[in-house]
Amino acid sequence: MKWDPQQYSRYADERSRPFGDLMGRVVADSPRRVVDLGCGTGALTALLAQRWPTAQVEGIDSSAEMIDAAAAHAGDRLSFRVADVAGWTPPADADVIVSNATLQWVPGHLELLGAWAAALPPGGWLAVQVPGNFGAPAHALMRSLADSPRWSEQLAGVLRHHDAVAEPIDYARLLHAAGLTADVWETTYLHVLRGADPILEWLRGTGLRPVLAALSPEEGAEFAASLAEQLRVAYPPGPDGTVYPFRRIFAVGHRS
């Protein structure tokens, strides 16, 4: 599945806010190595290099298109590479491990997260954020349309939802089991999006991508047009834009 850095960055301000809230709970002093798993365009990874001026900072993403965009941020202490985070093993000096809005794409990520937590060195930090909005109308409508007679054969099994993310208590238990101090919470942001069909455009950058990848361009346009009609009803625009409630789950672990 290819990613479009330009489409993903269309709502960069809204997408970056959870990252700031997540990293606000990480109080590492002078980490040796900071790893951003699922770094995307690298813009937020670059902020980590600014925050910790003596650390080696590495961004990893499975999308070659995203890493190509991230290369613009690379420097002496900041590097990027294409790799599957599911196969990543923490090096001994990884004092800060960050994964922002990535693990929902990784089946069985709780086991993976547990391995990262267990490998965290003394004084280390593990910070994770995942979307918790798979029950929201936007995703429910997308799944319902994909299951309709028109699309069910082509899109069977394309959209994951029931096992995409866990609940906050599950992440807290996982961190505690690894011997970490856990700071876990959830936040629902009320994003005000502007422009024509803004919820559809948001989904084009993330959740709709597996559907579009499974269909031809013509079929993708047909699916998107049908979804847009339903989204306009579920999320009616107001005088200042369209309000898009978005729940996110945060988990920060620290080994003292």
C-alpha atoms as a PDB file:
ATOM      1  CA  MET A   1       0.000   0.000   0.000  1.00  0.00           C
ATOM      2  CA  LYS A   2       1.476   3.329  -1.103  1.00  0.00           C
ATOM      3  CA  TRP A   3       1.246   6.453   1.005  1.00  0.00           C
ATOM      4  CA  ASP A   4       0.828  10.023  -0.212  1.00  0.00           C
ATOM      5  CA  PRO A   5       2.896  12.379   1.991  1.00  0.00           C
ATOM      6  CA  GLN A   6       1.153  15.445   0.556  1.00  0.00           C
ATOM      7  CA  GLN A   7      -2.336  14.107   1.290  1.00  0.00           C
ATOM      8  CA  TYR A   8      -1.303  12.960   4.770  1.00  0.00           C
ATOM      9  CA  SER A   9       0.136  16.409   5.549  1.00  0.00           C
ATOM     10  CA  ARG A  10      -3.044  18.191   4.481  1.00  0.00           C
ATOM     11  CA  TYR A  11      -4.157  18.232   8.121  1.00  0.00           C
ATOM     12  CA  ALA A  12      -0.671  18.416   9.599  1.00  0.00           C
ATOM     13  CA  ASP A  13      -1.649  20.686  12.492  1.00  0.00           C
ATOM     14  CA  GLU A  14      -4.419  18.381  13.671  1.00  0.00           C
ATOM     15  CA  ARG A  15      -2.303  15.252  13.226  1.00  0.00           C
ATOM     16  CA  SER A  16       0.717  16.713  15.033  1.00  0.00           C
ATOM     17  CA  ARG A  17      -1.118  17.841  18.170  1.00  0.00           C
ATOM     18  CA  PRO A  18      -1.342  14.337  19.717  1.00  0.00           C
ATOM     19  CA  PHE A  19       2.388  13.926  19.137  1.00  0.00           C
ATOM     20  CA  GLY A  20       3.064  17.029  21.207  1.00  0.00           C
ATOM     21  CA  ASP A  21       0.737  15.835  23.961  1.00  0.00           C
ATOM     22  CA  LEU A  22       2.419  12.432  23.963  1.00  0.00           C
ATOM     23  CA  MET A  23       5.965  13.749  24.130  1.00  0.00           C
ATOM     24  CA  GLY A  24       5.000  16.236  26.837  1.00  0.00           C
ATOM     25  CA  ARG A  25       4.888  13.273  29.236  1.00  0.00           C
ATOM     26  CA  VAL A  26       8.398  12.042  28.346  1.00  0.00           C
ATOM     27  CA  VAL A  27      10.970  13.732  30.585  1.00  0.00           C
ATOM     28  CA  ALA A  28      14.201  12.061  29.477  1.00  0.00           C
ATOM     29  CA  ASP A  29      17.237  14.247  30.164  1.00  0.00           C
ATOM     30  CA  SER A  30      20.022  13.211  27.783  1.00  0.00           C
ATOM     31  CA  PRO A  31      19.032  10.088  25.860  1.00  0.00           C
ATOM     32  CA  ARG A  32      21.695   8.367  23.814  1.00  0.00           C
ATOM     33  CA  ARG A  33      19.395   7.205  21.017  1.00  0.00           C
ATOM     34  CA  VAL A  34      15.836   8.206  20.139  1.00  0.00           C
ATOM     35  CA  VAL A  35      13.881   6.064  17.670  1.00  0.00           C
ATOM     36  CA  ASP A  36      10.650   7.190  15.985  1.00  0.00           C
ATOM     37  CA  LEU A  37       8.812   4.123  14.666  1.00  0.00           C
ATOM     38  CA  GLY A  38       6.408   5.044  11.883  1.00  0.00           C
ATOM     39  CA  CYS A  39       8.020   8.437  11.380  1.00  0.00           C
ATOM     40  CA  GLY A  40       6.033   9.386   8.267  1.00  0.00           C
ATOM     41  CA  THR A  41       7.301  12.569   6.642  1.00  0.00           C
ATOM     42  CA  GLY A  42       9.907  13.086   9.390  1.00  0.00           C
ATOM     43  CA  ALA A  43       8.694  16.545  10.368  1.00  0.00           C
ATOM     44  CA  LEU A  44       7.874  15.454  13.909  1.00  0.00           C
ATOM     45  CA  THR A  45      11.018  13.324  14.167  1.00  0.00           C
ATOM     46  CA  ALA A  46      13.032  16.460  13.469  1.00  0.00           C
ATOM     47  CA  LEU A  47      11.474  18.015  16.576  1.00  0.00           C
ATOM     48  CA  LEU A  48      12.942  15.180  18.626  1.00  0.00           C
ATOM     49  CA  ALA A  49      16.423  15.987  17.314  1.00  0.00           C
ATOM     50  CA  GLN A  50      15.901  19.616  18.326  1.00  0.00           C
ATOM     51  CA  ARG A  51      14.683  18.661  21.780  1.00  0.00           C
ATOM     52  CA  TRP A  52      17.648  16.363  22.516  1.00  0.00           C
ATOM     53  CA  PRO A  53      20.686  17.988  20.863  1.00  0.00           C
ATOM     54  CA  THR A  54      23.143  15.244  21.889  1.00  0.00           C
ATOM     55  CA  ALA A  55      21.057  12.225  20.890  1.00  0.00           C
ATOM     56  CA  GLN A  56      21.258  10.112  17.783  1.00  0.00           C
ATOM     57  CA  VAL A  57      17.737  10.240  16.344  1.00  0.00           C
ATOM     58  CA  GLU A  58      16.431   7.703  13.852  1.00  0.00           C
ATOM     59  CA  GLY A  59      13.145   7.620  11.962  1.00  0.00           C
ATOM     60  CA  ILE A  60      11.816   4.334  10.587  1.00  0.00           C
ATOM     61  CA  ASP A  61       8.833   3.839   8.287  1.00  0.00           C
ATOM     62  CA  SER A  62       7.664   1.082   5.957  1.00  0.00           C
ATOM     63  CA  SER A  63       6.674   3.585   3.257  1.00  0.00           C
ATOM     64  CA  ALA A  64       9.380   4.495   0.756  1.00  0.00           C
ATOM     65  CA  GLU A  65       7.324   7.532  -0.236  1.00  0.00           C
ATOM     66  CA  MET A  66       7.294   8.809   3.350  1.00  0.00           C
ATOM     67  CA  ILE A  67      11.018   8.206   3.820  1.00  0.00           C
ATOM     68  CA  ASP A  68      11.743  10.061   0.567  1.00  0.00           C
ATOM     69  CA  ALA A  69       9.873  13.054   2.013  1.00  0.00           C
ATOM     70  CA  ALA A  70      11.642  12.671   5.376  1.00  0.00           C
ATOM     71  CA  ALA A  71      15.071  12.835   3.755  1.00  0.00           C
ATOM     72  CA  ALA A  72      14.728  16.625   3.618  1.00  0.00           C
ATOM     73  CA  HIS A  73      15.042  16.686   7.436  1.00  0.00           C
ATOM     74  CA  ALA A  74      18.095  14.409   7.694  1.00  0.00           C
ATOM     75  CA  GLY A  75      21.293  15.688   9.289  1.00  0.00           C
ATOM     76  CA  ASP A  76      24.372  14.647  11.230  1.00  0.00           C
ATOM     77  CA  ARG A  77      22.346  13.232  14.133  1.00  0.00           C
ATOM     78  CA  LEU A  78      19.084  12.580  12.327  1.00  0.00           C
ATOM     79  CA  SER A  79      18.652   9.702   9.900  1.00  0.00           C
ATOM     80  CA  PHE A  80      15.768   7.886   8.231  1.00  0.00           C
ATOM     81  CA  ARG A  81      15.365   4.454   6.693  1.00  0.00           C
ATOM     82  CA  VAL A  82      12.716   2.166   5.238  1.00  0.00           C
ATOM     83  CA  ALA A  83      11.908  -0.814   7.460  1.00  0.00           C
ATOM     84  CA  ASP A  84       8.950  -2.718   8.857  1.00  0.00           C
ATOM     85  CA  VAL A  85       8.461  -1.742  12.507  1.00  0.00           C
ATOM     86  CA  ALA A  86       7.054  -5.225  13.163  1.00  0.00           C
ATOM     87  CA  GLY A  87      10.546  -6.627  12.654  1.00  0.00           C
ATOM     88  CA  TRP A  88      12.414  -3.917  14.566  1.00  0.00           C
ATOM     89  CA  THR A  89      14.446  -4.880  17.622  1.00  0.00           C
ATOM     90  CA  PRO A  90      15.460  -2.159  20.117  1.00  0.00           C
ATOM     91  CA  PRO A  91      19.225  -1.579  20.300  1.00  0.00           C
ATOM     92  CA  ALA A  92      20.715  -1.458  23.790  1.00  0.00           C
ATOM     93  CA  ASP A  93      21.135   2.327  23.704  1.00  0.00           C
ATOM     94  CA  ALA A  94      17.539   3.144  22.657  1.00  0.00           C
ATOM     95  CA  ASP A  95      16.652   5.322  25.643  1.00  0.00           C
ATOM     96  CA  VAL A  96      13.520   6.788  24.028  1.00  0.00           C
ATOM     97  CA  ILE A  97      11.228   4.757  21.749  1.00  0.00           C
ATOM     98  CA  VAL A  98       8.345   6.622  20.125  1.00  0.00           C
ATOM     99  CA  SER A  99       5.490   5.292  18.000  1.00  0.00           C
ATOM    100  CA  ASN A 100       2.871   7.844  17.015  1.00  0.00           C
ATOM    101  CA  ALA A 101      -0.265   6.715  15.125  1.00  0.00           C
ATOM    102  CA  THR A 102       1.435   3.637  13.675  1.00  0.00           C
ATOM    103  CA  LEU A 103       0.699   0.499  15.665  1.00  0.00           C
ATOM    104  CA  GLN A 104      -2.946   0.374  14.536  1.00  0.00           C
ATOM    105  CA  TRP A 105      -1.537  -0.815  11.198  1.00  0.00           C
ATOM    106  CA  VAL A 106       0.392  -3.692  12.820  1.00  0.00           C
ATOM    107  CA  PRO A 107      -1.648  -6.863  13.554  1.00  0.00           C
ATOM    108  CA  GLY A 108      -0.912  -8.235  17.013  1.00  0.00           C
ATOM    109  CA  HIS A 109       0.947  -5.122  18.075  1.00  0.00           C
ATOM    110  CA  LEU A 110       0.440  -5.733  21.807  1.00  0.00           C
ATOM    111  CA  GLU A 111       2.968  -8.565  21.689  1.00  0.00           C
ATOM    112  CA  LEU A 112       5.372  -6.340  19.781  1.00  0.00           C
ATOM    113  CA  LEU A 113       4.884  -3.499  22.239  1.00  0.00           C
ATOM    114  CA  GLY A 114       5.516  -5.870  25.123  1.00  0.00           C
ATOM    115  CA  ALA A 115       8.870  -6.857  23.597  1.00  0.00           C
ATOM    116  CA  TRP A 116       9.859  -3.198  23.237  1.00  0.00           C
ATOM    117  CA  ALA A 117       8.863  -2.495  26.819  1.00  0.00           C
ATOM    118  CA  ALA A 118      10.838  -5.478  28.124  1.00  0.00           C
ATOM    119  CA  ALA A 119      13.947  -4.332  26.233  1.00  0.00           C
ATOM    120  CA  LEU A 120      13.838  -0.762  27.539  1.00  0.00           C
ATOM    121  CA  PRO A 121      17.083   0.079  29.407  1.00  0.00           C
ATOM    122  CA  PRO A 122      17.169   1.630  32.899  1.00  0.00           C
ATOM    123  CA  GLY A 123      16.028   5.236  32.648  1.00  0.00           C
ATOM    124  CA  GLY A 124      14.401   4.542  29.287  1.00  0.00           C
ATOM    125  CA  TRP A 125      11.052   5.754  27.955  1.00  0.00           C
ATOM    126  CA  LEU A 126       8.467   4.187  25.667  1.00  0.00           C
ATOM    127  CA  ALA A 127       5.788   6.512  24.251  1.00  0.00           C
ATOM    128  CA  VAL A 128       2.905   5.304  22.081  1.00  0.00           C
ATOM    129  CA  GLN A 129      -0.203   6.922  20.615  1.00  0.00           C
ATOM    130  CA  VAL A 130      -2.887   5.127  18.608  1.00  0.00           C
ATOM    131  CA  PRO A 131      -6.253   6.295  17.276  1.00  0.00           C
ATOM    132  CA  GLY A 132      -9.195   5.010  19.276  1.00  0.00           C
ATOM    133  CA  ASN A 133     -11.930   6.072  16.876  1.00  0.00           C
ATOM    134  CA  PHE A 134     -12.644   2.867  14.947  1.00  0.00           C
ATOM    135  CA  GLY A 135     -16.185   2.945  16.313  1.00  0.00           C
ATOM    136  CA  ALA A 136     -16.775   6.495  15.057  1.00  0.00           C
ATOM    137  CA  PRO A 137     -19.322   7.133  12.282  1.00  0.00           C
ATOM    138  CA  ALA A 138     -16.580   7.758   9.705  1.00  0.00           C
ATOM    139  CA  HIS A 139     -15.140   4.269  10.121  1.00  0.00           C
ATOM    140  CA  ALA A 140     -18.482   2.564  10.674  1.00  0.00           C
ATOM    141  CA  LEU A 141     -19.820   4.023   7.427  1.00  0.00           C
ATOM    142  CA  MET A 142     -16.668   3.045   5.542  1.00  0.00           C
ATOM    143  CA  ARG A 143     -16.946  -0.556   6.785  1.00  0.00           C
ATOM    144  CA  SER A 144     -20.665  -0.702   6.050  1.00  0.00           C
ATOM    145  CA  LEU A 145     -20.104   0.489   2.491  1.00  0.00           C
ATOM    146  CA  ALA A 146     -17.259  -1.989   2.021  1.00  0.00           C
ATOM    147  CA  ASP A 147     -19.580  -4.787   3.209  1.00  0.00           C
ATOM    148  CA  SER A 148     -22.388  -3.770   0.826  1.00  0.00           C
ATOM    149  CA  PRO A 149     -23.247  -6.033  -2.139  1.00  0.00           C
ATOM    150  CA  ARG A 150     -21.506  -3.615  -4.507  1.00  0.00           C
ATOM    151  CA  TRP A 151     -18.123  -3.936  -2.789  1.00  0.00           C
ATOM    152  CA  SER A 152     -18.114  -6.932  -0.463  1.00  0.00           C
ATOM    153  CA  GLU A 153     -16.383  -9.328  -2.843  1.00  0.00           C
ATOM    154  CA  GLN A 154     -13.526  -6.970  -3.683  1.00  0.00           C
ATOM    155  CA  LEU A 155     -13.066  -5.542  -0.197  1.00  0.00           C
ATOM    156  CA  ALA A 156     -13.549  -8.631   1.985  1.00  0.00           C
ATOM    157  CA  GLY A 157     -11.030  -8.471   4.831  1.00  0.00           C
ATOM    158  CA  VAL A 158      -9.482  -5.194   3.689  1.00  0.00           C
ATOM    159  CA  LEU A 159     -10.568  -3.070   6.671  1.00  0.00           C
ATOM    160  CA  ARG A 160      -9.441  -4.119  10.160  1.00  0.00           C
ATOM    161  CA  HIS A 161     -11.241  -2.601  13.122  1.00  0.00           C
ATOM    162  CA  HIS A 162     -12.115  -4.882  16.065  1.00  0.00           C
ATOM    163  CA  ASP A 163      -8.476  -5.837  16.656  1.00  0.00           C
ATOM    164  CA  ALA A 164      -6.756  -2.691  15.378  1.00  0.00           C
ATOM    165  CA  VAL A 165      -6.146  -1.178  18.827  1.00  0.00           C
ATOM    166  CA  ALA A 166      -6.701  -2.137  22.458  1.00  0.00           C
ATOM    167  CA  GLU A 167      -8.285  -0.169  25.283  1.00  0.00           C
ATOM    168  CA  PRO A 168      -6.273   2.094  27.614  1.00  0.00           C
ATOM    169  CA  ILE A 169      -6.369  -0.440  30.453  1.00  0.00           C
ATOM    170  CA  ASP A 170      -4.723  -3.035  28.207  1.00  0.00           C
ATOM    171  CA  TYR A 171      -1.771  -0.762  27.491  1.00  0.00           C
ATOM    172  CA  ALA A 172      -1.440   0.096  31.187  1.00  0.00           C
ATOM    173  CA  ARG A 173      -1.356  -3.586  32.134  1.00  0.00           C
ATOM    174  CA  LEU A 174       1.217  -4.313  29.441  1.00  0.00           C
ATOM    175  CA  LEU A 175       3.566  -1.581  30.671  1.00  0.00           C
ATOM    176  CA  HIS A 176       3.158  -2.647  34.298  1.00  0.00           C
ATOM    177  CA  ALA A 177       3.892  -6.266  33.356  1.00  0.00           C
ATOM    178  CA  ALA A 178       7.194  -5.141  31.862  1.00  0.00           C
ATOM    179  CA  GLY A 179       8.151  -3.436  35.117  1.00  0.00           C
ATOM    180  CA  LEU A 180       7.543   0.095  33.870  1.00  0.00           C
ATOM    181  CA  THR A 181       5.802   3.023  35.478  1.00  0.00           C
ATOM    182  CA  ALA A 182       2.749   3.604  33.286  1.00  0.00           C
ATOM    183  CA  ASP A 183       1.048   6.856  32.323  1.00  0.00           C
ATOM    184  CA  VAL A 184      -1.970   6.023  30.150  1.00  0.00           C
ATOM    185  CA  TRP A 185      -4.869   8.238  29.095  1.00  0.00           C
ATOM    186  CA  GLU A 186      -7.247   9.064  26.278  1.00  0.00           C
ATOM    187  CA  THR A 187      -8.300  12.332  24.676  1.00  0.00           C
ATOM    188  CA  THR A 188     -11.062  13.168  22.220  1.00  0.00           C
ATOM    189  CA  TYR A 189     -10.056  16.087  20.014  1.00  0.00           C
ATOM    190  CA  LEU A 190     -12.766  18.117  18.325  1.00  0.00           C
ATOM    191  CA  HIS A 191     -11.058  19.061  15.086  1.00  0.00           C
ATOM    192  CA  VAL A 192     -12.738  21.773  13.035  1.00  0.00           C
ATOM    193  CA  LEU A 193     -12.014  20.921   9.404  1.00  0.00           C
ATOM    194  CA  ARG A 194     -12.691  23.239   6.489  1.00  0.00           C
ATOM    195  CA  GLY A 195     -13.169  22.797   2.775  1.00  0.00           C
ATOM    196  CA  ALA A 196     -15.297  20.481   0.673  1.00  0.00           C
ATOM    197  CA  ASP A 197     -15.839  16.986   2.108  1.00  0.00           C
ATOM    198  CA  PRO A 198     -13.130  17.420   4.765  1.00  0.00           C
ATOM    199  CA  ILE A 199     -13.814  14.108   6.549  1.00  0.00           C
ATOM    200  CA  LEU A 200     -13.355  12.237   3.285  1.00  0.00           C
ATOM    201  CA  GLU A 201     -10.131  14.144   2.622  1.00  0.00           C
ATOM    202  CA  TRP A 202      -8.879  13.258   6.108  1.00  0.00           C
ATOM    203  CA  LEU A 203      -9.657   9.590   5.480  1.00  0.00           C
ATOM    204  CA  ARG A 204      -7.894   9.689   2.123  1.00  0.00           C
ATOM    205  CA  GLY A 205      -4.669  10.310   4.025  1.00  0.00           C
ATOM    206  CA  THR A 206      -5.059   7.305   6.340  1.00  0.00           C
ATOM    207  CA  GLY A 207      -7.989   4.946   6.906  1.00  0.00           C
ATOM    208  CA  LEU A 208      -9.323   4.950   3.338  1.00  0.00           C
ATOM    209  CA  ARG A 209      -5.971   4.032   1.811  1.00  0.00           C
ATOM    210  CA  PRO A 210      -6.377   0.225   2.058  1.00  0.00           C
ATOM    211  CA  VAL A 211      -9.692   0.505   0.210  1.00  0.00           C
ATOM    212  CA  LEU A 212      -8.260   2.666  -2.551  1.00  0.00           C
ATOM    213  CA  ALA A 213      -5.280   0.329  -2.874  1.00  0.00           C
ATOM    214  CA  ALA A 214      -7.607  -2.633  -3.432  1.00  0.00           C
ATOM    215  CA  LEU A 215      -9.685  -0.933  -6.127  1.00  0.00           C
ATOM    216  CA  SER A 216      -8.973   0.475  -9.553  1.00  0.00           C
ATOM    217  CA  PRO A 217      -8.816   4.283  -9.822  1.00  0.00           C
ATOM    218  CA  GLU A 218     -12.321   4.335 -11.313  1.00  0.00           C
ATOM    219  CA  GLU A 219     -13.723   2.068  -8.630  1.00  0.00           C
ATOM    220  CA  GLY A 220     -11.956   4.052  -5.927  1.00  0.00           C
ATOM    221  CA  ALA A 221     -13.573   7.240  -7.178  1.00  0.00           C
ATOM    222  CA  GLU A 222     -16.997   5.563  -7.119  1.00  0.00           C
ATOM    223  CA  PHE A 223     -16.482   4.271  -3.573  1.00  0.00           C
ATOM    224  CA  ALA A 224     -15.239   7.666  -2.369  1.00  0.00           C
ATOM    225  CA  ALA A 225     -18.211   9.477  -3.917  1.00  0.00           C
ATOM    226  CA  SER A 226     -20.684   7.150  -2.170  1.00  0.00           C
ATOM    227  CA  LEU A 227     -18.848   7.499   1.132  1.00  0.00           C
ATOM    228  CA  ALA A 228     -18.740  11.296   0.813  1.00  0.00           C
ATOM    229  CA  GLU A 229     -22.547  11.444   0.570  1.00  0.00           C
ATOM    230  CA  GLN A 230     -22.925   9.526   3.826  1.00  0.00           C
ATOM    231  CA  LEU A 231     -20.218  11.504   5.609  1.00  0.00           C
ATOM    232  CA  ARG A 232     -21.969  14.796   4.821  1.00  0.00           C
ATOM    233  CA  VAL A 233     -25.022  13.541   6.715  1.00  0.00           C
ATOM    234  CA  ALA A 234     -23.046  12.108   9.640  1.00  0.00           C
ATOM    235  CA  TYR A 235     -20.845  15.207   9.944  1.00  0.00           C
ATOM    236  CA  PRO A 236     -22.882  18.216   8.811  1.00  0.00           C
ATOM    237  CA  PRO A 237     -20.834  21.378   8.235  1.00  0.00           C
ATOM    238  CA  GLY A 238     -21.338  24.353  10.516  1.00  0.00           C
ATOM    239  CA  PRO A 239     -20.631  28.068  10.048  1.00  0.00           C
ATOM    240  CA  ASP A 240     -16.961  27.611  11.018  1.00  0.00           C
ATOM    241  CA  GLY A 241     -16.343  24.235   9.408  1.00  0.00           C
ATOM    242  CA  THR A 242     -17.041  20.560  10.061  1.00  0.00           C
ATOM    243  CA  VAL A 243     -16.428  19.236  13.568  1.00  0.00           C
ATOM    244  CA  TYR A 244     -14.628  15.884  13.563  1.00  0.00           C
ATOM    245  CA  PRO A 245     -14.433  14.237  17.016  1.00  0.00           C
ATOM    246  CA  PHE A 246     -11.324  12.060  17.149  1.00  0.00           C
ATOM    247  CA  ARG A 247     -10.488   9.821  20.116  1.00  0.00           C
ATOM    248  CA  ARG A 248      -6.843   8.937  20.703  1.00  0.00           C
ATOM    249  CA  ILE A 249      -5.167   6.637  23.222  1.00  0.00           C
ATOM    250  CA  PHE A 250      -1.795   7.448  24.804  1.00  0.00           C
ATOM    251  CA  ALA A 251       0.577   5.183  26.732  1.00  0.00           C
ATOM    252  CA  VAL A 252       3.927   6.227  28.210  1.00  0.00           C
ATOM    253  CA  GLY A 253       6.168   3.828  30.107  1.00  0.00           C
ATOM    254  CA  HIS A 254       9.328   4.614  32.070  1.00  0.00           C
ATOM    255  CA  ARG A 255      11.909   2.282  33.578  1.00  0.00           C
ATOM    256  CA  SER A 256      13.312   4.013  36.634  1.00  0.00           C
END
